[in-house]
C-alpha atoms as a PDB file:
ATOM      1  CA  UNK A   1      24.851 -38.725  23.032  1.00  0.00           C
ATOM      2  CA  UNK A   2      21.188 -36.897  23.486  1.00  0.00           C
ATOM      3  CA  UNK A   3      22.757 -33.475  22.044  1.00  0.00           C
ATOM      4  CA  UNK A   4      23.405 -35.878  18.561  1.00  0.00           C
ATOM      5  CA  UNK A   5      20.210 -37.374  18.677  1.00  0.00           C
ATOM      6  CA  UNK A   6      18.385 -34.094  19.322  1.00  0.00           C
ATOM      7  CA  UNK A   7      20.816 -32.777  16.037  1.00  0.00           C
ATOM      8  CA  UNK A   8      19.603 -36.279  13.762  1.00  0.00           C
ATOM      9  CA  UNK A   9      15.523 -35.607  14.909  1.00  0.00           C
ATOM     10  CA  UNK A  10      15.903 -32.079  13.890  1.00  0.00           C
ATOM     11  CA  UNK A  11      17.705 -32.792  10.657  1.00  0.00           C
ATOM     12  CA  UNK A  12      15.037 -35.645   9.788  1.00  0.00           C
ATOM     13  CA  UNK A  13      12.316 -32.363  10.014  1.00  0.00           C
ATOM     14  CA  UNK A  14      13.996 -30.224   8.191  1.00  0.00           C
ATOM     15  CA  UNK A  15      14.220 -32.974   5.621  1.00  0.00           C
ATOM     16  CA  UNK A  16      10.655 -34.569   5.772  1.00  0.00           C
ATOM     17  CA  UNK A  17       9.463 -30.367   5.631  1.00  0.00           C
ATOM     18  CA  UNK A  18      11.649 -29.391   2.326  1.00  0.00           C
ATOM     19  CA  UNK A  19      10.421 -33.060   0.787  1.00  0.00           C
ATOM     20  CA  UNK A  20       6.870 -32.029   2.157  1.00  0.00           C
ATOM     21  CA  UNK A  21       7.115 -28.854   0.401  1.00  0.00           C
ATOM     22  CA  UNK A  22       8.984 -29.633  -3.052  1.00  0.00           C
ATOM     23  CA  UNK A  23       6.663 -32.883  -3.723  1.00  0.00           C
ATOM     24  CA  UNK A  24       4.203 -30.097  -2.972  1.00  0.00           C
ATOM     25  CA  UNK A  25       5.009 -27.638  -4.985  1.00  0.00           C
ATOM     26  CA  UNK A  26       5.575 -29.845  -8.343  1.00  0.00           C
ATOM     27  CA  UNK A  27       2.235 -31.271  -7.062  1.00  0.00           C
ATOM     28  CA  UNK A  28       0.809 -28.299  -7.600  1.00  0.00           C
ATOM     29  CA  UNK A  29       2.396 -27.190 -10.582  1.00  0.00           C
ATOM     30  CA  UNK A  30       1.175 -30.030 -12.636  1.00  0.00           C
ATOM     31  CA  UNK A  31      -2.348 -29.777 -11.651  1.00  0.00           C
ATOM     32  CA  UNK A  32      -2.359 -26.168 -12.633  1.00  0.00           C
ATOM     33  CA  UNK A  33      -1.152 -27.150 -16.181  1.00  0.00           C
ATOM     34  CA  UNK A  34      -4.801 -28.278 -16.726  1.00  0.00           C
ATOM     35  CA  UNK A  35      -6.070 -25.794 -13.886  1.00  0.00           C
ATOM     36  CA  UNK A  36      -6.532 -22.310 -13.518  1.00  0.00           C
ATOM     37  CA  UNK A  37      -6.975 -20.062 -10.303  1.00  0.00           C
ATOM     38  CA  UNK A  38      -7.401 -16.901  -9.853  1.00  0.00           C
ATOM     39  CA  UNK A  39      -5.490 -15.853  -6.552  1.00  0.00           C
ATOM     40  CA  UNK A  40      -2.389 -17.494  -8.250  1.00  0.00           C
ATOM     41  CA  UNK A  41      -3.129 -16.595 -11.374  1.00  0.00           C
ATOM     42  CA  UNK A  42      -3.299 -12.749  -9.906  1.00  0.00           C
ATOM     43  CA  UNK A  43       0.283 -13.270  -8.106  1.00  0.00           C
ATOM     44  CA  UNK A  44       1.994 -14.218 -11.336  1.00  0.00           C
ATOM     45  CA  UNK A  45       0.265 -10.943 -13.158  1.00  0.00           C
ATOM     46  CA  UNK A  46       2.124  -9.392 -10.288  1.00  0.00           C
ATOM     47  CA  UNK A  47       5.210 -11.157 -10.299  1.00  0.00           C
ATOM     48  CA  UNK A  48       5.515 -11.053 -13.988  1.00  0.00           C
ATOM     49  CA  UNK A  49       4.386  -8.035 -15.570  1.00  0.00           C
ATOM     50  CA  UNK A  50       4.350  -5.666 -12.607  1.00  0.00           C
ATOM     51  CA  UNK A  51       7.434  -3.663 -11.340  1.00  0.00           C
ATOM     52  CA  UNK A  52       7.650  -1.433  -8.316  1.00  0.00           C
ATOM     53  CA  UNK A  53       7.043   2.441  -9.486  1.00  0.00           C
ATOM     54  CA  UNK A  54       9.486   5.188  -8.727  1.00  0.00           C
ATOM     55  CA  UNK A  55       6.987   7.419  -7.399  1.00  0.00           C
ATOM     56  CA  UNK A  56       5.016   5.872  -4.288  1.00  0.00           C
ATOM     57  CA  UNK A  57       1.874   7.496  -4.793  1.00  0.00           C
ATOM     58  CA  UNK A  58       1.542   5.652  -8.318  1.00  0.00           C
ATOM     59  CA  UNK A  59       2.710   2.163  -6.553  1.00  0.00           C
ATOM     60  CA  UNK A  60       3.397  -0.080  -9.419  1.00  0.00           C
ATOM     61  CA  UNK A  61       3.191   0.196 -13.461  1.00  0.00           C
ATOM     62  CA  UNK A  62       3.942  -2.308 -15.944  1.00  0.00           C
ATOM     63  CA  UNK A  63       7.054  -3.371 -17.325  1.00  0.00           C
ATOM     64  CA  UNK A  64       7.346  -2.673 -20.694  1.00  0.00           C
ATOM     65  CA  UNK A  65       7.334  -4.998 -23.224  1.00  0.00           C
ATOM     66  CA  UNK A  66       6.294  -8.435 -21.080  1.00  0.00           C
ATOM     67  CA  UNK A  67       4.034 -10.844 -21.759  1.00  0.00           C
ATOM     68  CA  UNK A  68       2.231 -13.579 -20.174  1.00  0.00           C
ATOM     69  CA  UNK A  69      -0.472 -15.765 -20.378  1.00  0.00           C
ATOM     70  CA  UNK A  70      -3.087 -15.114 -16.980  1.00  0.00           C
ATOM     71  CA  UNK A  71      -6.784 -17.016 -16.812  1.00  0.00           C
ATOM     72  CA  UNK A  72      -5.676 -18.617 -20.349  1.00  0.00           C
ATOM     73  CA  UNK A  73      -5.591 -15.403 -22.173  1.00  0.00           C
ATOM     74  CA  UNK A  74      -2.321 -13.894 -24.021  1.00  0.00           C
ATOM     75  CA  UNK A  75      -1.596 -10.244 -22.251  1.00  0.00           C
ATOM     76  CA  UNK A  76       1.302  -8.312 -24.460  1.00  0.00           C
ATOM     77  CA  UNK A  77       2.060  -4.988 -22.509  1.00  0.00           C
ATOM     78  CA  UNK A  78       3.540  -2.212 -25.167  1.00  0.00           C
ATOM     79  CA  UNK A  79       6.620   0.152 -24.905  1.00  0.00           C
ATOM     80  CA  UNK A  80       4.439   2.654 -23.009  1.00  0.00           C
ATOM     81  CA  UNK A  81       3.975  -0.085 -20.236  1.00  0.00           C
ATOM     82  CA  UNK A  82       0.018  -0.487 -21.250  1.00  0.00           C
ATOM     83  CA  UNK A  83      -1.730  -3.326 -22.206  1.00  0.00           C
ATOM     84  CA  UNK A  84      -2.762  -1.863 -25.692  1.00  0.00           C
ATOM     85  CA  UNK A  85      -1.336  -0.732 -29.314  1.00  0.00           C
ATOM     86  CA  UNK A  86       1.750   1.401 -29.955  1.00  0.00           C
ATOM     87  CA  UNK A  87       0.851   4.997 -29.934  1.00  0.00           C
ATOM     88  CA  UNK A  88       2.913   7.803 -30.501  1.00  0.00           C
ATOM     89  CA  UNK A  89       3.382  10.731 -27.965  1.00  0.00           C
ATOM     90  CA  UNK A  90       2.277  13.057 -30.729  1.00  0.00           C
ATOM     91  CA  UNK A  91      -1.239  13.687 -31.286  1.00  0.00           C
ATOM     92  CA  UNK A  92      -2.177  13.236 -34.903  1.00  0.00           C
ATOM     93  CA  UNK A  93      -5.819  14.197 -36.202  1.00  0.00           C
ATOM     94  CA  UNK A  94      -7.819  11.584 -34.432  1.00  0.00           C
ATOM     95  CA  UNK A  95      -9.717  12.316 -31.694  1.00  0.00           C
ATOM     96  CA  UNK A  96      -7.608  11.166 -28.695  1.00  0.00           C
ATOM     97  CA  UNK A  97      -9.266   9.355 -25.349  1.00  0.00           C
ATOM     98  CA  UNK A  98      -8.075   8.080 -22.552  1.00  0.00           C
ATOM     99  CA  UNK A  99      -9.091   5.153 -20.465  1.00  0.00           C
ATOM    100  CA  UNK A 100      -8.322   5.244 -16.642  1.00  0.00           C
ATOM    101  CA  UNK A 101      -8.569   2.354 -14.277  1.00  0.00           C
ATOM    102  CA  UNK A 102      -8.088  -0.720 -12.620  1.00  0.00           C
ATOM    103  CA  UNK A 103      -8.007  -4.507 -13.722  1.00  0.00           C
ATOM    104  CA  UNK A 104     -11.488  -4.035 -15.293  1.00  0.00           C
ATOM    105  CA  UNK A 105     -10.556  -1.732 -17.617  1.00  0.00           C
ATOM    106  CA  UNK A 106      -6.964  -3.320 -17.908  1.00  0.00           C
ATOM    107  CA  UNK A 107      -9.382  -6.334 -19.293  1.00  0.00           C
ATOM    108  CA  UNK A 108      -8.413  -9.326 -16.843  1.00  0.00           C
ATOM    109  CA  UNK A 109      -9.195 -12.132 -17.909  1.00  0.00           C
ATOM    110  CA  UNK A 110     -10.517 -10.937 -21.511  1.00  0.00           C
ATOM    111  CA  UNK A 111      -8.798 -11.133 -25.136  1.00  0.00           C
ATOM    112  CA  UNK A 112      -7.586  -7.594 -25.569  1.00  0.00           C
ATOM    113  CA  UNK A 113      -9.825  -7.166 -28.999  1.00  0.00           C
ATOM    114  CA  UNK A 114     -12.534  -7.982 -26.262  1.00  0.00           C
ATOM    115  CA  UNK A 115     -12.365  -5.327 -23.550  1.00  0.00           C
ATOM    116  CA  UNK A 116     -14.670  -2.912 -23.723  1.00  0.00           C
ATOM    117  CA  UNK A 117     -11.731  -0.440 -24.551  1.00  0.00           C
ATOM    118  CA  UNK A 118     -11.308  -1.605 -27.777  1.00  0.00           C
ATOM    119  CA  UNK A 119     -14.566  -2.618 -28.379  1.00  0.00           C
ATOM    120  CA  UNK A 120     -15.647   1.285 -27.638  1.00  0.00           C
ATOM    121  CA  UNK A 121     -12.457   1.922 -30.149  1.00  0.00           C
ATOM    122  CA  UNK A 122     -13.903   0.570 -32.773  1.00  0.00           C
ATOM    123  CA  UNK A 123     -17.478   2.073 -32.483  1.00  0.00           C
ATOM    124  CA  UNK A 124     -16.627   5.208 -31.539  1.00  0.00           C
ATOM    125  CA  UNK A 125     -14.007   5.188 -34.679  1.00  0.00           C
ATOM    126  CA  UNK A 126     -16.355   4.788 -37.100  1.00  0.00           C
ATOM    127  CA  UNK A 127     -18.221   7.430 -36.017  1.00  0.00           C
ATOM    128  CA  UNK A 128     -15.504  10.109 -35.863  1.00  0.00           C
ATOM    129  CA  UNK A 129     -11.893   9.224 -36.471  1.00  0.00           C
ATOM    130  CA  UNK A 130     -11.010   7.683 -32.340  1.00  0.00           C
ATOM    131  CA  UNK A 131      -8.209   6.061 -30.643  1.00  0.00           C
ATOM    132  CA  UNK A 132      -8.670   5.138 -27.162  1.00  0.00           C
ATOM    133  CA  UNK A 133      -5.131   4.525 -25.116  1.00  0.00           C
ATOM    134  CA  UNK A 134      -5.594   2.056 -22.259  1.00  0.00           C
ATOM    135  CA  UNK A 135      -3.860   2.945 -19.010  1.00  0.00           C
ATOM    136  CA  UNK A 136      -5.597   0.310 -17.226  1.00  0.00           C
ATOM    137  CA  UNK A 137      -3.462  -1.165 -14.865  1.00  0.00           C
ATOM    138  CA  UNK A 138      -4.734  -4.190 -11.755  1.00  0.00           C
ATOM    139  CA  UNK A 139      -4.515  -3.536  -8.344  1.00  0.00           C
ATOM    140  CA  UNK A 140      -5.233   0.349  -8.677  1.00  0.00           C
ATOM    141  CA  UNK A 141      -7.254   2.675  -6.637  1.00  0.00           C
ATOM    142  CA  UNK A 142      -8.366   5.907  -8.227  1.00  0.00           C
ATOM    143  CA  UNK A 143      -5.553   7.815  -6.610  1.00  0.00           C
ATOM    144  CA  UNK A 144      -2.998   5.439  -8.444  1.00  0.00           C
ATOM    145  CA  UNK A 145      -5.055   6.187 -11.624  1.00  0.00           C
ATOM    146  CA  UNK A 146      -4.769  10.383 -11.713  1.00  0.00           C
ATOM    147  CA  UNK A 147      -1.402  10.088 -10.414  1.00  0.00           C
ATOM    148  CA  UNK A 148      -0.596   7.396 -13.175  1.00  0.00           C
ATOM    149  CA  UNK A 149      -1.994  10.195 -15.561  1.00  0.00           C
ATOM    150  CA  UNK A 150      -0.458  13.272 -14.454  1.00  0.00           C
ATOM    151  CA  UNK A 151       3.146  11.434 -14.779  1.00  0.00           C
ATOM    152  CA  UNK A 152       2.483   9.355 -17.892  1.00  0.00           C
ATOM    153  CA  UNK A 153      -0.753  10.567 -19.451  1.00  0.00           C
ATOM    154  CA  UNK A 154      -0.834  14.308 -19.712  1.00  0.00           C
ATOM    155  CA  UNK A 155       1.997  13.638 -22.650  1.00  0.00           C
ATOM    156  CA  UNK A 156      -0.021  12.352 -25.250  1.00  0.00           C
ATOM    157  CA  UNK A 157      -2.527  15.772 -24.731  1.00  0.00           C
ATOM    158  CA  UNK A 158      -5.662  13.594 -24.584  1.00  0.00           C
ATOM    159  CA  UNK A 159      -9.156  15.031 -26.132  1.00  0.00           C
ATOM    160  CA  UNK A 160     -11.159  13.220 -22.824  1.00  0.00           C
ATOM    161  CA  UNK A 161     -10.037  11.211 -20.387  1.00  0.00           C
ATOM    162  CA  UNK A 162     -12.572   8.945 -18.934  1.00  0.00           C
ATOM    163  CA  UNK A 163     -11.988   7.408 -15.458  1.00  0.00           C
ATOM    164  CA  UNK A 164     -13.704   3.801 -14.909  1.00  0.00           C
ATOM    165  CA  UNK A 165     -14.575   3.396 -11.344  1.00  0.00           C
ATOM    166  CA  UNK A 166     -15.215   0.172  -9.299  1.00  0.00           C
ATOM    167  CA  UNK A 167     -16.163  -0.486  -5.685  1.00  0.00           C
ATOM    168  CA  UNK A 168     -12.838  -1.020  -4.444  1.00  0.00           C
ATOM    169  CA  UNK A 169     -11.600   2.273  -5.800  1.00  0.00           C
ATOM    170  CA  UNK A 170     -11.758   3.773  -2.178  1.00  0.00           C
ATOM    171  CA  UNK A 171      -9.138   1.136  -0.928  1.00  0.00           C
ATOM    172  CA  UNK A 172      -6.132   3.318   0.186  1.00  0.00           C
ATOM    173  CA  UNK A 173      -2.837   2.817  -2.202  1.00  0.00           C
ATOM    174  CA  UNK A 174      -1.162  -0.764  -1.141  1.00  0.00           C
ATOM    175  CA  UNK A 175       2.591  -1.275  -0.190  1.00  0.00           C
ATOM    176  CA  UNK A 176       4.297  -3.534  -1.882  1.00  0.00           C
ATOM    177  CA  UNK A 177       4.647  -6.981   0.927  1.00  0.00           C
ATOM    178  CA  UNK A 178       8.540  -7.848   2.319  1.00  0.00           C
ATOM    179  CA  UNK A 179       6.969 -11.247   1.241  1.00  0.00           C
ATOM    180  CA  UNK A 180       6.520 -10.918  -1.999  1.00  0.00           C
ATOM    181  CA  UNK A 181       9.055 -13.478  -3.282  1.00  0.00           C
ATOM    182  CA  UNK A 182       6.471 -16.163  -1.672  1.00  0.00           C
ATOM    183  CA  UNK A 183       4.608 -15.412  -4.924  1.00  0.00           C
ATOM    184  CA  UNK A 184       7.074 -17.435  -6.500  1.00  0.00           C
ATOM    185  CA  UNK A 185       5.832 -20.702  -4.850  1.00  0.00           C
ATOM    186  CA  UNK A 186       2.837 -21.831  -6.028  1.00  0.00           C
ATOM    187  CA  UNK A 187       1.965 -24.188  -3.359  1.00  0.00           C
ATOM    188  CA  UNK A 188       2.260 -21.445  -0.909  1.00  0.00           C
ATOM    189  CA  UNK A 189       0.215 -18.814  -3.263  1.00  0.00           C
ATOM    190  CA  UNK A 190      -2.695 -22.002  -3.120  1.00  0.00           C
ATOM    191  CA  UNK A 191      -2.416 -22.170   0.443  1.00  0.00           C
ATOM    192  CA  UNK A 192      -2.534 -18.615   1.004  1.00  0.00           C
ATOM    193  CA  UNK A 193      -5.885 -18.409  -1.064  1.00  0.00           C
ATOM    194  CA  UNK A 194      -7.380 -21.400   0.489  1.00  0.00           C
ATOM    195  CA  UNK A 195      -6.400 -19.414   3.708  1.00  0.00           C
ATOM    196  CA  UNK A 196      -8.418 -16.156   3.005  1.00  0.00           C
ATOM    197  CA  UNK A 197     -11.037 -17.978   1.730  1.00  0.00           C
ATOM    198  CA  UNK A 198     -11.591 -20.152   4.864  1.00  0.00           C
ATOM    199  CA  UNK A 199     -11.245 -16.550   6.973  1.00  0.00           C
ATOM    200  CA  UNK A 200     -13.930 -15.234   4.864  1.00  0.00           C
ATOM    201  CA  UNK A 201     -16.331 -17.796   5.119  1.00  0.00           C
ATOM    202  CA  UNK A 202     -16.013 -19.070   8.771  1.00  0.00           C
ATOM    203  CA  UNK A 203     -13.449 -16.224  10.872  1.00  0.00           C
ATOM    204  CA  UNK A 204     -13.430 -12.950  11.402  1.00  0.00           C
ATOM    205  CA  UNK A 205     -12.322 -11.154   8.021  1.00  0.00           C
ATOM    206  CA  UNK A 206     -15.638  -8.947   7.389  1.00  0.00           C
ATOM    207  CA  UNK A 207     -17.424  -9.901   3.802  1.00  0.00           C
ATOM    208  CA  UNK A 208     -16.992  -8.662   0.860  1.00  0.00           C
ATOM    209  CA  UNK A 209     -19.990  -6.394   1.092  1.00  0.00           C
ATOM    210  CA  UNK A 210     -19.422  -5.002   4.410  1.00  0.00           C
ATOM    211  CA  UNK A 211     -15.783  -4.784   3.427  1.00  0.00           C
ATOM    212  CA  UNK A 212     -16.501  -2.472   0.509  1.00  0.00           C
ATOM    213  CA  UNK A 213     -19.407  -0.683   1.756  1.00  0.00           C
ATOM    214  CA  UNK A 214     -16.726   0.474   5.262  1.00  0.00           C
ATOM    215  CA  UNK A 215     -14.984   1.921   2.531  1.00  0.00           C
ATOM    216  CA  UNK A 216     -16.999   4.761   2.310  1.00  0.00           C
ATOM    217  CA  UNK A 217     -17.502   6.181   5.049  1.00  0.00           C
ATOM    218  CA  UNK A 218     -16.180   9.686   5.875  1.00  0.00           C
ATOM    219  CA  UNK A 219     -13.938   9.246   7.989  1.00  0.00           C
ATOM    220  CA  UNK A 220     -11.873   6.499   5.897  1.00  0.00           C
ATOM    221  CA  UNK A 221      -8.993   7.677   3.992  1.00  0.00           C
ATOM    222  CA  UNK A 222      -8.841   5.880   1.238  1.00  0.00           C
ATOM    223  CA  UNK A 223     -12.356   7.588   0.472  1.00  0.00           C
ATOM    224  CA  UNK A 224     -11.169  11.088   1.372  1.00  0.00           C
ATOM    225  CA  UNK A 225      -7.785  10.319  -1.070  1.00  0.00           C
ATOM    226  CA  UNK A 226     -10.483   9.055  -3.614  1.00  0.00           C
ATOM    227  CA  UNK A 227     -12.519  12.416  -3.524  1.00  0.00           C
ATOM    228  CA  UNK A 228      -9.128  14.487  -3.669  1.00  0.00           C
ATOM    229  CA  UNK A 229      -8.188  12.364  -7.053  1.00  0.00           C
ATOM    230  CA  UNK A 230     -11.407  13.697  -8.070  1.00  0.00           C
ATOM    231  CA  UNK A 231     -10.594  17.157  -7.461  1.00  0.00           C
ATOM    232  CA  UNK A 232      -6.668  16.843  -8.654  1.00  0.00           C
ATOM    233  CA  UNK A 233      -8.351  15.291 -12.119  1.00  0.00           C
ATOM    234  CA  UNK A 234     -10.888  18.044 -12.714  1.00  0.00           C
ATOM    235  CA  UNK A 235      -8.251  20.722 -12.128  1.00  0.00           C
ATOM    236  CA  UNK A 236      -6.276  19.009 -14.842  1.00  0.00           C
ATOM    237  CA  UNK A 237      -8.675  18.806 -16.847  1.00  0.00           C
ATOM    238  CA  UNK A 238      -9.343  22.255 -16.678  1.00  0.00           C
ATOM    239  CA  UNK A 239      -5.209  23.196 -16.895  1.00  0.00           C
ATOM    240  CA  UNK A 240      -5.175  20.797 -20.061  1.00  0.00           C
ATOM    241  CA  UNK A 241      -8.029  21.439 -21.623  1.00  0.00           C
ATOM    242  CA  UNK A 242      -9.145  18.132 -22.003  1.00  0.00           C
ATOM    243  CA  UNK A 243     -12.933  17.077 -21.637  1.00  0.00           C
ATOM    244  CA  UNK A 244     -13.295  14.569 -18.374  1.00  0.00           C
ATOM    245  CA  UNK A 245     -15.639  11.795 -17.492  1.00  0.00           C
ATOM    246  CA  UNK A 246     -16.447   9.169 -15.148  1.00  0.00           C
ATOM    247  CA  UNK A 247     -18.101   5.374 -15.344  1.00  0.00           C
ATOM    248  CA  UNK A 248     -19.378   3.687 -12.467  1.00  0.00           C
ATOM    249  CA  UNK A 249     -18.836  -0.453 -13.692  1.00  0.00           C
ATOM    250  CA  UNK A 250     -20.680  -2.507 -11.689  1.00  0.00           C
ATOM    251  CA  UNK A 251     -19.479  -5.109  -8.761  1.00  0.00           C
ATOM    252  CA  UNK A 252     -20.776  -8.742 -10.674  1.00  0.00           C
ATOM    253  CA  UNK A 253     -22.210 -10.907  -7.551  1.00  0.00           C
ATOM    254  CA  UNK A 254     -25.946  -9.739  -6.946  1.00  0.00           C
ATOM    255  CA  UNK A 255     -27.359  -6.922 -10.104  1.00  0.00           C
ATOM    256  CA  UNK A 256     -30.694  -6.941  -9.400  1.00  0.00           C
ATOM    257  CA  UNK A 257     -31.111  -5.639  -5.979  1.00  0.00           C
ATOM    258  CA  UNK A 258     -27.587  -4.040  -6.269  1.00  0.00           C
ATOM    259  CA  UNK A 259     -25.902  -4.035  -2.861  1.00  0.00           C
ATOM    260  CA  UNK A 260     -23.507  -0.996  -3.274  1.00  0.00           C
ATOM    261  CA  UNK A 261     -26.433   0.985  -4.545  1.00  0.00           C
ATOM    262  CA  UNK A 262     -25.897   3.685  -1.376  1.00  0.00           C
ATOM    263  CA  UNK A 263     -21.946   3.971  -2.441  1.00  0.00           C
ATOM    264  CA  UNK A 264     -22.175   4.163  -6.333  1.00  0.00           C
ATOM    265  CA  UNK A 265     -24.738   7.495  -5.115  1.00  0.00           C
ATOM    266  CA  UNK A 266     -22.123   8.913  -2.859  1.00  0.00           C
ATOM    267  CA  UNK A 267     -19.136   8.885  -5.869  1.00  0.00           C
ATOM    268  CA  UNK A 268     -21.845  10.513  -8.277  1.00  0.00           C
ATOM    269  CA  UNK A 269     -22.510  12.897  -5.886  1.00  0.00           C
ATOM    270  CA  UNK A 270     -18.869  13.477  -5.469  1.00  0.00           C
ATOM    271  CA  UNK A 271     -17.748  13.331  -8.896  1.00  0.00           C
ATOM    272  CA  UNK A 272     -20.733  16.092  -9.665  1.00  0.00           C
ATOM    273  CA  UNK A 273     -19.065  18.525  -6.778  1.00  0.00           C
ATOM    274  CA  UNK A 274     -15.856  18.715  -8.683  1.00  0.00           C
ATOM    275  CA  UNK A 275     -18.183  19.371 -11.917  1.00  0.00           C
ATOM    276  CA  UNK A 276     -17.571  15.765 -13.448  1.00  0.00           C
ATOM    277  CA  UNK A 277     -19.787  14.176 -15.578  1.00  0.00           C
ATOM    278  CA  UNK A 278     -20.678  10.547 -14.893  1.00  0.00           C
ATOM    279  CA  UNK A 279     -23.020   7.268 -15.857  1.00  0.00           C
ATOM    280  CA  UNK A 280     -23.664   4.379 -13.398  1.00  0.00           C
ATOM    281  CA  UNK A 281     -23.917   1.502 -15.310  1.00  0.00           C
ATOM    282  CA  UNK A 282     -25.249  -0.651 -12.541  1.00  0.00           C
ATOM    283  CA  UNK A 283     -29.110   0.007 -13.001  1.00  0.00           C
ATOM    284  CA  UNK A 284     -28.574  -1.044 -16.575  1.00  0.00           C
ATOM    285  CA  UNK A 285     -27.575  -4.676 -16.005  1.00  0.00           C
ATOM    286  CA  UNK A 286     -30.043  -5.141 -13.262  1.00  0.00           C
ATOM    287  CA  UNK A 287     -32.668  -7.632 -15.990  1.00  0.00           C
ATOM    288  CA  UNK A 288     -29.576  -9.925 -15.584  1.00  0.00           C
ATOM    289  CA  UNK A 289     -30.592 -12.535 -13.521  1.00  0.00           C
ATOM    290  CA  UNK A 290     -27.781 -15.074 -13.881  1.00  0.00           C
ATOM    291  CA  UNK A 291     -24.414 -12.894 -12.724  1.00  0.00           C
ATOM    292  CA  UNK A 292     -22.231 -15.738 -12.733  1.00  0.00           C
ATOM    293  CA  UNK A 293     -22.950 -15.559 -16.950  1.00  0.00           C
ATOM    294  CA  UNK A 294     -20.678 -12.159 -16.717  1.00  0.00           C
ATOM    295  CA  UNK A 295     -18.000 -13.734 -14.551  1.00  0.00           C
ATOM    296  CA  UNK A 296     -14.658 -14.718 -16.047  1.00  0.00           C
ATOM    297  CA  UNK A 297     -14.524 -18.146 -14.064  1.00  0.00           C
ATOM    298  CA  UNK A 298     -16.475 -19.572 -11.052  1.00  0.00           C
ATOM    299  CA  UNK A 299     -13.645 -17.993  -8.706  1.00  0.00           C
ATOM    300  CA  UNK A 300     -13.532 -14.834 -10.214  1.00  0.00           C
ATOM    301  CA  UNK A 301     -16.030 -12.191 -10.714  1.00  0.00           C
ATOM    302  CA  UNK A 302     -13.816  -9.945 -13.186  1.00  0.00           C
ATOM    303  CA  UNK A 303     -15.985  -9.178 -16.325  1.00  0.00           C
ATOM    304  CA  UNK A 304     -15.854 -11.835 -18.842  1.00  0.00           C
ATOM    305  CA  UNK A 305     -15.814 -10.874 -22.760  1.00  0.00           C
ATOM    306  CA  UNK A 306     -19.645 -10.906 -22.508  1.00  0.00           C
ATOM    307  CA  UNK A 307     -19.797  -8.559 -19.811  1.00  0.00           C
ATOM    308  CA  UNK A 308     -17.255  -6.265 -21.934  1.00  0.00           C
ATOM    309  CA  UNK A 309     -19.475  -5.943 -24.783  1.00  0.00           C
ATOM    310  CA  UNK A 310     -22.119  -4.500 -22.209  1.00  0.00           C
ATOM    311  CA  UNK A 311     -20.097  -2.129 -20.378  1.00  0.00           C
ATOM    312  CA  UNK A 312     -19.398  -0.976 -23.956  1.00  0.00           C
ATOM    313  CA  UNK A 313     -22.999  -0.790 -25.163  1.00  0.00           C
ATOM    314  CA  UNK A 314     -24.424   0.942 -22.530  1.00  0.00           C
ATOM    315  CA  UNK A 315     -21.206   3.127 -22.611  1.00  0.00           C
ATOM    316  CA  UNK A 316     -21.419   4.198 -26.023  1.00  0.00           C
ATOM    317  CA  UNK A 317     -23.523   7.059 -26.269  1.00  0.00           C
ATOM    318  CA  UNK A 318     -22.240   8.611 -23.304  1.00  0.00           C
ATOM    319  CA  UNK A 319     -18.846   8.736 -24.717  1.00  0.00           C
ATOM    320  CA  UNK A 320     -20.067   9.844 -28.198  1.00  0.00           C
ATOM    321  CA  UNK A 321     -21.805  12.958 -26.532  1.00  0.00           C
ATOM    322  CA  UNK A 322     -24.975  11.570 -26.819  1.00  0.00           C
ATOM    323  CA  UNK A 323     -27.510  12.165 -23.932  1.00  0.00           C
ATOM    324  CA  UNK A 324     -30.369   9.750 -25.018  1.00  0.00           C
ATOM    325  CA  UNK A 325     -30.658   6.194 -23.043  1.00  0.00           C
ATOM    326  CA  UNK A 326     -28.740   3.799 -24.298  1.00  0.00           C
ATOM    327  CA  UNK A 327     -31.283   1.514 -25.280  1.00  0.00           C
ATOM    328  CA  UNK A 328     -32.516   4.613 -27.655  1.00  0.00           C
ATOM    329  CA  UNK A 329     -32.696   4.471 -31.573  1.00  0.00           C
ATOM    330  CA  UNK A 330     -28.989   5.608 -31.951  1.00  0.00           C
ATOM    331  CA  UNK A 331     -25.446   3.850 -32.050  1.00  0.00           C
ATOM    332  CA  UNK A 332     -25.825   1.853 -28.967  1.00  0.00           C
ATOM    333  CA  UNK A 333     -28.360   0.107 -30.666  1.00  0.00           C
ATOM    334  CA  UNK A 334     -25.857  -0.550 -33.891  1.00  0.00           C
ATOM    335  CA  UNK A 335     -23.902  -2.037 -31.503  1.00  0.00           C
ATOM    336  CA  UNK A 336     -26.093  -4.724 -29.859  1.00  0.00           C
ATOM    337  CA  UNK A 337     -25.175  -7.370 -33.608  1.00  0.00           C
ATOM    338  CA  UNK A 338     -21.620  -7.019 -33.785  1.00  0.00           C
ATOM    339  CA  UNK A 339     -20.677  -7.086 -29.878  1.00  0.00           C
ATOM    340  CA  UNK A 340     -22.927  -9.267 -28.581  1.00  0.00           C
ATOM    341  CA  UNK A 341     -22.209 -11.728 -31.357  1.00  0.00           C
END
């Protein structure tokens, strides 16, 4: 009799948990019809638009032809797995540039025609017939970016490759979690997001300032791999006869007293050792007194359309081959009106 009672209690408990999870899942999905959360959208990005790459050095790639609405923005992946227009493999008469980067270069949370890739393509094309291929993929580090370029980008035979570098690009290459399937549950994604936030605020998890700073210790494997990737990109440029440049994008939480100036300087030195000319954009954002005006959302510090316009303006002369300061009487000033509208 006691065993039967225990079975009944266990069955009721399982039923109660199932009801709680089911009702919670429905409630969260209904709530998300009118509200957007970065962590949930990033989880959807991984499930809806990405597939595992054959090469573990690359990790993941976009699913060709995939589409989704993420952060209330339509995202379309082309047949080559890029968030970009369709381009033939053959190099035509136009100057061809390849952009390498992560979710910032991909244009997370921004309409495609408002990304700095699109804006720069438009303005550079006015100076000289130019096309830009956007190889930016979310959650990539520099090693993955260079590996993807070597595997797929070289075939496009670019004239110039531009590496867009962000402070977290020295993280080790991530591996797909065996629990990734849980991302299909909005309830689980929501609670995991809240748990991470509480750990960062009250627990033993380092805040992002400390975490990013630690990435650049000389003994850190991610930073060591990043430096090897710089070297590999320089080797490819010399062998395949294309130019290479790097642009450091700012982290948008604190801009007036930029907390990662030391790390940016270290990256610039590593690039210089490999003969890669680079531009650090962080100092050009020091007049931004309200960084949140540049964010995609209150819980998402990816650059929004305004920030993408600034990145395009400050990068234009460097990519056009002009060595004057970004605010000189040059192409950058001509950008101010059409981009910052």
